[in-house]
Each structure stands twice: as C-alpha cells, then as structure tokens.
C-alpha cells in the first residue's frame, strides 16, 4: 500500500530549505492569525513541508540565512510550489519559560530578535517547539498554487495527495536522535547551556 498524504505544514521557504538540507530539525511556532481558536496545534504527525515567501523577514534570521530570502510584495504567491520533502513531527514542546527558548538559539535558523518578538506576541501562549525528522522525496513535486493555500494559517490540505514512497531521511537515525536529545536536554535544563 502506497503511503500518501495531502496534509501540509506551511513554513517560511528558508526554514523548509534548512530542514530539507539537514541544517536544523527545529521549528518555533505560535501559529498564524487564522488558526482555529486563535492557537497553534498539531493535528498530524506526518506532513509535507509547504514553503511560503510572503512573510519571510531577513532581519529575523541569522546572517547565514538572511541572504537566502527572496523579498516579495504583500499578497504575492508563486504560480507553482515545489514540495521537496515531508517530515515526521517527533516531538512537540509547549515552552513558556524564556530561558529555555533563548537557550535553543544554536539549534534553529532565527535570531534573538525573532525569539524576542515571538515571546512578546500573545505572551500568555507558549511557543511550540517542533522537532521534525525530514525525508527528501526521490523527485520534488511541483504543484499549482491555489487560493485556498493562502492566508495566515499553519496547516493546509493539498488538493491532490502526494506519495511519500521512496523518500530518504535527510539525517541518519543516529544523528537525528543525537540532535533531538540535545534539544530535549536544553529545554529541560536551559541554565546548563552557556551561549
């Protein structure tokens, strides 16, 4: 039986590229403006990573990623979208403890300004730390953009399901476990981390 899904998680294209290249295994989310009940939540454990461009801000990224952002006009979207990988969401940590969020800085692509702004926006809500094990598709799928894929929401259902068959893990199991364990320890004991 072929493994297929239409579930997709929208994320900045620069973050999707970093996950697909094995540069990070972590996303920080509070959710889009149009989230159900105004809160971020995870409904699926296996999702395609859907790159977005409109809200990417180079000033919120570490310098090695800032130059990779293609600035676009508000409301712009590509005619087609490249889906190059899917991910298994292995861990979800709702973290409200500021030292823990700040201690995660070495593990993701965003800078201190991003972390500070995320903490201030909806301050009563935690930041969700997602650990994702990415799997590269044997052949990237190029799908047409559809208006229902737009908007400030984290989750979309693609019109046509895409096969996950033949995808290979970006990181070996041992490397993924090593990175995930380091992040878990940092969340549990942020004071032990010296930045």
C-alpha atoms as a PDB file:
ATOM      1  CA  UNK A   1       0.000   0.000   0.000  1.00  0.00           C
ATOM      2  CA  UNK A   2       1.422   3.355  -1.066  1.00  0.00           C
ATOM      3  CA  UNK A   3       1.937   5.898   1.702  1.00  0.00           C
ATOM      4  CA  UNK A   4       0.317   9.189   0.657  1.00  0.00           C
ATOM      5  CA  UNK A   5      -0.969  12.308   2.354  1.00  0.00           C
ATOM      6  CA  UNK A   6      -2.415  15.694   1.496  1.00  0.00           C
ATOM      7  CA  UNK A   7      -1.565  17.301   4.876  1.00  0.00           C
ATOM      8  CA  UNK A   8       0.986  20.102   4.723  1.00  0.00           C
ATOM      9  CA  UNK A   9       2.596  22.460   7.211  1.00  0.00           C
ATOM     10  CA  UNK A  10       3.249  25.955   5.887  1.00  0.00           C
ATOM     11  CA  UNK A  11       6.591  27.476   6.848  1.00  0.00           C
ATOM     12  CA  UNK A  12       8.983  30.118   5.557  1.00  0.00           C
ATOM     13  CA  UNK A  13      10.770  28.800   2.461  1.00  0.00           C
ATOM     14  CA  UNK A  14      14.163  29.479   4.068  1.00  0.00           C
ATOM     15  CA  UNK A  15      13.195  27.239   7.026  1.00  0.00           C
ATOM     16  CA  UNK A  16      11.886  24.486   4.727  1.00  0.00           C
ATOM     17  CA  UNK A  17      15.186  24.606   2.810  1.00  0.00           C
ATOM     18  CA  UNK A  18      17.164  24.356   6.087  1.00  0.00           C
ATOM     19  CA  UNK A  19      15.111  21.327   7.206  1.00  0.00           C
ATOM     20  CA  UNK A  20      15.488  19.678   3.794  1.00  0.00           C
ATOM     21  CA  UNK A  21      19.265  20.270   3.877  1.00  0.00           C
ATOM     22  CA  UNK A  22      19.646  18.881   7.428  1.00  0.00           C
ATOM     23  CA  UNK A  23      20.775  22.265   8.835  1.00  0.00           C
ATOM     24  CA  UNK A  24      18.087  22.164  11.551  1.00  0.00           C
ATOM     25  CA  UNK A  25      15.420  19.845  12.960  1.00  0.00           C
ATOM     26  CA  UNK A  26      13.517  22.537  14.833  1.00  0.00           C
ATOM     27  CA  UNK A  27      10.638  24.922  14.149  1.00  0.00           C
ATOM     28  CA  UNK A  28       9.291  27.524  16.566  1.00  0.00           C
ATOM     29  CA  UNK A  29       5.578  28.244  16.171  1.00  0.00           C
ATOM     30  CA  UNK A  30       2.856  30.310  17.743  1.00  0.00           C
ATOM     31  CA  UNK A  31       0.511  29.902  14.829  1.00  0.00           C
ATOM     32  CA  UNK A  32      -0.983  32.096  12.155  1.00  0.00           C
ATOM     33  CA  UNK A  33      -3.599  34.776  12.638  1.00  0.00           C
ATOM     34  CA  UNK A  34      -6.297  32.498  11.207  1.00  0.00           C
ATOM     35  CA  UNK A  35      -5.596  29.492  13.417  1.00  0.00           C
ATOM     36  CA  UNK A  36      -8.615  27.655  14.767  1.00  0.00           C
ATOM     37  CA  UNK A  37      -9.437  29.083  18.239  1.00  0.00           C
ATOM     38  CA  UNK A  38      -6.507  31.501  17.767  1.00  0.00           C
ATOM     39  CA  UNK A  39      -3.995  28.873  18.926  1.00  0.00           C
ATOM     40  CA  UNK A  40      -1.442  26.684  17.235  1.00  0.00           C
ATOM     41  CA  UNK A  41      -1.962  22.951  17.438  1.00  0.00           C
ATOM     42  CA  UNK A  42      -0.596  19.881  15.718  1.00  0.00           C
ATOM     43  CA  UNK A  43      -3.147  17.543  14.167  1.00  0.00           C
ATOM     44  CA  UNK A  44      -0.831  15.322  12.124  1.00  0.00           C
ATOM     45  CA  UNK A  45       2.499  13.597  12.724  1.00  0.00           C
ATOM     46  CA  UNK A  46       3.493  13.197   9.037  1.00  0.00           C
ATOM     47  CA  UNK A  47       3.236  16.264   6.818  1.00  0.00           C
ATOM     48  CA  UNK A  48       4.640  17.771   3.673  1.00  0.00           C
ATOM     49  CA  UNK A  49       6.595  20.973   4.173  1.00  0.00           C
ATOM     50  CA  UNK A  50       4.958  23.747   2.145  1.00  0.00           C
ATOM     51  CA  UNK A  51       7.270  26.742   1.543  1.00  0.00           C
ATOM     52  CA  UNK A  52       5.885  30.269   1.917  1.00  0.00           C
ATOM     53  CA  UNK A  53       7.509  33.535   0.883  1.00  0.00           C
ATOM     54  CA  UNK A  54       5.284  36.483   1.762  1.00  0.00           C
ATOM     55  CA  UNK A  55       6.153  36.982   5.446  1.00  0.00           C
ATOM     56  CA  UNK A  56       9.830  35.995   5.407  1.00  0.00           C
ATOM     57  CA  UNK A  57      11.883  38.694   7.101  1.00  0.00           C
ATOM     58  CA  UNK A  58      15.670  38.635   6.669  1.00  0.00           C
ATOM     59  CA  UNK A  59      16.122  40.794   9.807  1.00  0.00           C
ATOM     60  CA  UNK A  60      14.689  37.929  11.919  1.00  0.00           C
ATOM     61  CA  UNK A  61      17.143  35.328  10.606  1.00  0.00           C
ATOM     62  CA  UNK A  62      20.733  34.516  11.482  1.00  0.00           C
ATOM     63  CA  UNK A  63      23.118  36.111   8.985  1.00  0.00           C
ATOM     64  CA  UNK A  64      23.859  32.872   7.095  1.00  0.00           C
ATOM     65  CA  UNK A  65      20.132  32.535   6.267  1.00  0.00           C
ATOM     66  CA  UNK A  66      19.104  36.183   5.836  1.00  0.00           C
ATOM     67  CA  UNK A  67      20.740  36.425   2.394  1.00  0.00           C
ATOM     68  CA  UNK A  68      18.731  33.434   1.152  1.00  0.00           C
ATOM     69  CA  UNK A  69      15.391  35.249   1.452  1.00  0.00           C
ATOM     70  CA  UNK A  70      13.773  36.475  -1.733  1.00  0.00           C
ATOM     71  CA  UNK A  71      11.762  39.615  -0.823  1.00  0.00           C
ATOM     72  CA  UNK A  72       8.243  39.596  -2.285  1.00  0.00           C
ATOM     73  CA  UNK A  73       5.320  42.032  -2.319  1.00  0.00           C
ATOM     74  CA  UNK A  74       2.468  41.574   0.143  1.00  0.00           C
ATOM     75  CA  UNK A  75      -0.050  39.154  -1.345  1.00  0.00           C
ATOM     76  CA  UNK A  76       2.478  37.664  -3.796  1.00  0.00           C
ATOM     77  CA  UNK A  77       2.498  33.917  -4.314  1.00  0.00           C
ATOM     78  CA  UNK A  78       4.261  31.692  -6.840  1.00  0.00           C
ATOM     79  CA  UNK A  79       2.301  30.102  -9.670  1.00  0.00           C
ATOM     80  CA  UNK A  80       3.725  26.741  -8.674  1.00  0.00           C
ATOM     81  CA  UNK A  81       5.060  25.403  -5.376  1.00  0.00           C
ATOM     82  CA  UNK A  82       7.942  22.949  -5.037  1.00  0.00           C
ATOM     83  CA  UNK A  83       7.361  20.212  -2.447  1.00  0.00           C
ATOM     84  CA  UNK A  84      10.729  18.546  -1.849  1.00  0.00           C
ATOM     85  CA  UNK A  85      10.254  16.744   1.445  1.00  0.00           C
ATOM     86  CA  UNK A  86       7.927  15.544   4.127  1.00  0.00           C
ATOM     87  CA  UNK A  87       8.568  15.425   7.835  1.00  0.00           C
ATOM     88  CA  UNK A  88       7.636  13.339  10.816  1.00  0.00           C
ATOM     89  CA  UNK A  89       6.911  15.564  13.815  1.00  0.00           C
ATOM     90  CA  UNK A  90       8.575  13.545  16.565  1.00  0.00           C
ATOM     91  CA  UNK A  91       8.263  15.977  19.485  1.00  0.00           C
ATOM     92  CA  UNK A  92       6.072  18.944  20.430  1.00  0.00           C
ATOM     93  CA  UNK A  93       7.078  21.063  23.403  1.00  0.00           C
ATOM     94  CA  UNK A  94       4.903  23.986  24.504  1.00  0.00           C
ATOM     95  CA  UNK A  95       7.546  26.219  26.116  1.00  0.00           C
ATOM     96  CA  UNK A  96       6.729  29.414  28.002  1.00  0.00           C
ATOM     97  CA  UNK A  97       9.955  29.590  30.021  1.00  0.00           C
ATOM     98  CA  UNK A  98      12.010  32.381  28.390  1.00  0.00           C
ATOM     99  CA  UNK A  99      15.458  30.971  29.323  1.00  0.00           C
ATOM    100  CA  UNK A 100      14.553  27.666  27.633  1.00  0.00           C
ATOM    101  CA  UNK A 101      13.510  29.394  24.399  1.00  0.00           C
ATOM    102  CA  UNK A 102      16.641  31.568  24.398  1.00  0.00           C
ATOM    103  CA  UNK A 103      18.874  28.550  25.106  1.00  0.00           C
ATOM    104  CA  UNK A 104      17.604  26.948  21.870  1.00  0.00           C
ATOM    105  CA  UNK A 105      19.246  29.663  19.743  1.00  0.00           C
ATOM    106  CA  UNK A 106      22.074  27.393  18.472  1.00  0.00           C
ATOM    107  CA  UNK A 107      19.563  24.858  17.128  1.00  0.00           C
ATOM    108  CA  UNK A 108      17.457  26.899  14.688  1.00  0.00           C
ATOM    109  CA  UNK A 109      17.771  29.498  11.914  1.00  0.00           C
ATOM    110  CA  UNK A 110      16.195  32.504  13.628  1.00  0.00           C
ATOM    111  CA  UNK A 111      17.992  35.245  15.554  1.00  0.00           C
ATOM    112  CA  UNK A 112      17.455  36.743  19.022  1.00  0.00           C
ATOM    113  CA  UNK A 113      15.111  39.427  17.666  1.00  0.00           C
ATOM    114  CA  UNK A 114      12.789  36.741  16.275  1.00  0.00           C
ATOM    115  CA  UNK A 115      12.785  34.909  19.616  1.00  0.00           C
ATOM    116  CA  UNK A 116      12.087  38.142  21.500  1.00  0.00           C
ATOM    117  CA  UNK A 117       9.207  39.096  19.172  1.00  0.00           C
ATOM    118  CA  UNK A 118       7.685  35.606  19.377  1.00  0.00           C
ATOM    119  CA  UNK A 119       7.779  35.741  23.184  1.00  0.00           C
ATOM    120  CA  UNK A 120       6.040  39.150  23.226  1.00  0.00           C
ATOM    121  CA  UNK A 121       3.321  38.251  20.697  1.00  0.00           C
ATOM    122  CA  UNK A 122       0.377  36.636  22.537  1.00  0.00           C
ATOM    123  CA  UNK A 123       2.524  36.479  25.717  1.00  0.00           C
ATOM    124  CA  UNK A 124       0.122  34.156  27.553  1.00  0.00           C
ATOM    125  CA  UNK A 125       0.569  31.484  24.893  1.00  0.00           C
ATOM    126  CA  UNK A 126       3.660  29.269  24.775  1.00  0.00           C
ATOM    127  CA  UNK A 127       5.974  28.936  21.837  1.00  0.00           C
ATOM    128  CA  UNK A 128       5.637  25.472  20.364  1.00  0.00           C
ATOM    129  CA  UNK A 129       8.970  23.825  19.696  1.00  0.00           C
ATOM    130  CA  UNK A 130       8.548  21.185  16.995  1.00  0.00           C
ATOM    131  CA  UNK A 131      11.221  18.604  16.242  1.00  0.00           C
ATOM    132  CA  UNK A 132      10.955  17.310  12.699  1.00  0.00           C
ATOM    133  CA  UNK A 133      12.718  14.425  11.018  1.00  0.00           C
ATOM    134  CA  UNK A 134      12.735  15.382   7.338  1.00  0.00           C
ATOM    135  CA  UNK A 135      12.614  12.921   4.443  1.00  0.00           C
ATOM    136  CA  UNK A 136      13.661  14.047   0.976  1.00  0.00           C
ATOM    137  CA  UNK A 137      11.403  12.939  -1.873  1.00  0.00           C
ATOM    138  CA  UNK A 138      13.087  10.978  -4.683  1.00  0.00           C
ATOM    139  CA  UNK A 139      11.734  13.599  -7.081  1.00  0.00           C
ATOM    140  CA  UNK A 140      10.431  17.010  -5.897  1.00  0.00           C
ATOM    141  CA  UNK A 141       6.781  17.545  -6.736  1.00  0.00           C
ATOM    142  CA  UNK A 142       5.769  20.836  -8.352  1.00  0.00           C
ATOM    143  CA  UNK A 143       2.129  21.636  -7.695  1.00  0.00           C
ATOM    144  CA  UNK A 144      -0.014  24.575  -8.817  1.00  0.00           C
ATOM    145  CA  UNK A 145      -0.651  27.310  -6.250  1.00  0.00           C
ATOM    146  CA  UNK A 146      -4.320  27.532  -5.246  1.00  0.00           C
ATOM    147  CA  UNK A 147      -6.046  30.419  -3.441  1.00  0.00           C
ATOM    148  CA  UNK A 148      -7.100  28.069  -0.610  1.00  0.00           C
ATOM    149  CA  UNK A 149      -3.413  27.528   0.198  1.00  0.00           C
ATOM    150  CA  UNK A 150      -3.002  31.225   1.029  1.00  0.00           C
ATOM    151  CA  UNK A 151      -3.648  33.080   4.261  1.00  0.00           C
ATOM    152  CA  UNK A 152      -2.051  33.142   7.698  1.00  0.00           C
ATOM    153  CA  UNK A 153      -2.662  29.555   8.749  1.00  0.00           C
ATOM    154  CA  UNK A 154      -0.236  26.797   9.579  1.00  0.00           C
ATOM    155  CA  UNK A 155      -1.997  23.781   8.081  1.00  0.00           C
ATOM    156  CA  UNK A 156      -3.414  23.150   4.638  1.00  0.00           C
ATOM    157  CA  UNK A 157      -4.727  20.130   2.793  1.00  0.00           C
ATOM    158  CA  UNK A 158      -3.317  19.813  -0.703  1.00  0.00           C
ATOM    159  CA  UNK A 159      -5.938  19.213  -3.380  1.00  0.00           C
ATOM    160  CA  UNK A 160      -4.058  16.148  -4.629  1.00  0.00           C
ATOM    161  CA  UNK A 161      -2.321  13.784  -2.156  1.00  0.00           C
ATOM    162  CA  UNK A 162       1.399  13.227  -2.772  1.00  0.00           C
ATOM    163  CA  UNK A 163       3.230   9.944  -2.351  1.00  0.00           C
ATOM    164  CA  UNK A 164       5.813   9.670   0.434  1.00  0.00           C
ATOM    165  CA  UNK A 165       7.230   6.456  -1.045  1.00  0.00           C
ATOM    166  CA  UNK A 166      10.927   6.296  -1.719  1.00  0.00           C
ATOM    167  CA  UNK A 167      11.775   9.309   0.436  1.00  0.00           C
ATOM    168  CA  UNK A 168      15.088   9.073   2.273  1.00  0.00           C
ATOM    169  CA  UNK A 169      15.856  10.551   5.687  1.00  0.00           C
ATOM    170  CA  UNK A 170      17.865  13.760   5.499  1.00  0.00           C
ATOM    171  CA  UNK A 171      19.755  12.761   8.658  1.00  0.00           C
ATOM    172  CA  UNK A 172      20.681   9.266   9.785  1.00  0.00           C
ATOM    173  CA  UNK A 173      18.677   7.913  12.690  1.00  0.00           C
ATOM    174  CA  UNK A 174      21.695   8.237  14.986  1.00  0.00           C
ATOM    175  CA  UNK A 175      22.337  11.875  14.038  1.00  0.00           C
ATOM    176  CA  UNK A 176      18.654  12.773  14.403  1.00  0.00           C
ATOM    177  CA  UNK A 177      18.476  11.156  17.860  1.00  0.00           C
ATOM    178  CA  UNK A 178      21.670  12.940  18.917  1.00  0.00           C
ATOM    179  CA  UNK A 179      20.311  16.367  17.897  1.00  0.00           C
ATOM    180  CA  UNK A 180      16.837  15.705  19.314  1.00  0.00           C
ATOM    181  CA  UNK A 181      18.283  14.596  22.660  1.00  0.00           C
ATOM    182  CA  UNK A 182      20.449  17.737  22.863  1.00  0.00           C
ATOM    183  CA  UNK A 183      17.376  19.907  22.264  1.00  0.00           C
ATOM    184  CA  UNK A 184      15.302  17.958  24.814  1.00  0.00           C
ATOM    185  CA  UNK A 185      18.065  18.432  27.421  1.00  0.00           C
ATOM    186  CA  UNK A 186      18.263  22.157  26.639  1.00  0.00           C
ATOM    187  CA  UNK A 187      14.506  22.610  27.114  1.00  0.00           C
ATOM    188  CA  UNK A 188      14.625  20.658  30.396  1.00  0.00           C
ATOM    189  CA  UNK A 189      17.753  22.406  31.773  1.00  0.00           C
ATOM    190  CA  UNK A 190      18.325  25.737  29.967  1.00  0.00           C
ATOM    191  CA  UNK A 191      20.560  27.048  32.771  1.00  0.00           C
ATOM    192  CA  UNK A 192      23.117  24.347  31.923  1.00  0.00           C
ATOM    193  CA  UNK A 193      23.561  25.798  28.434  1.00  0.00           C
ATOM    194  CA  UNK A 194      26.113  28.561  28.025  1.00  0.00           C
ATOM    195  CA  UNK A 195      25.551  30.691  24.949  1.00  0.00           C
END
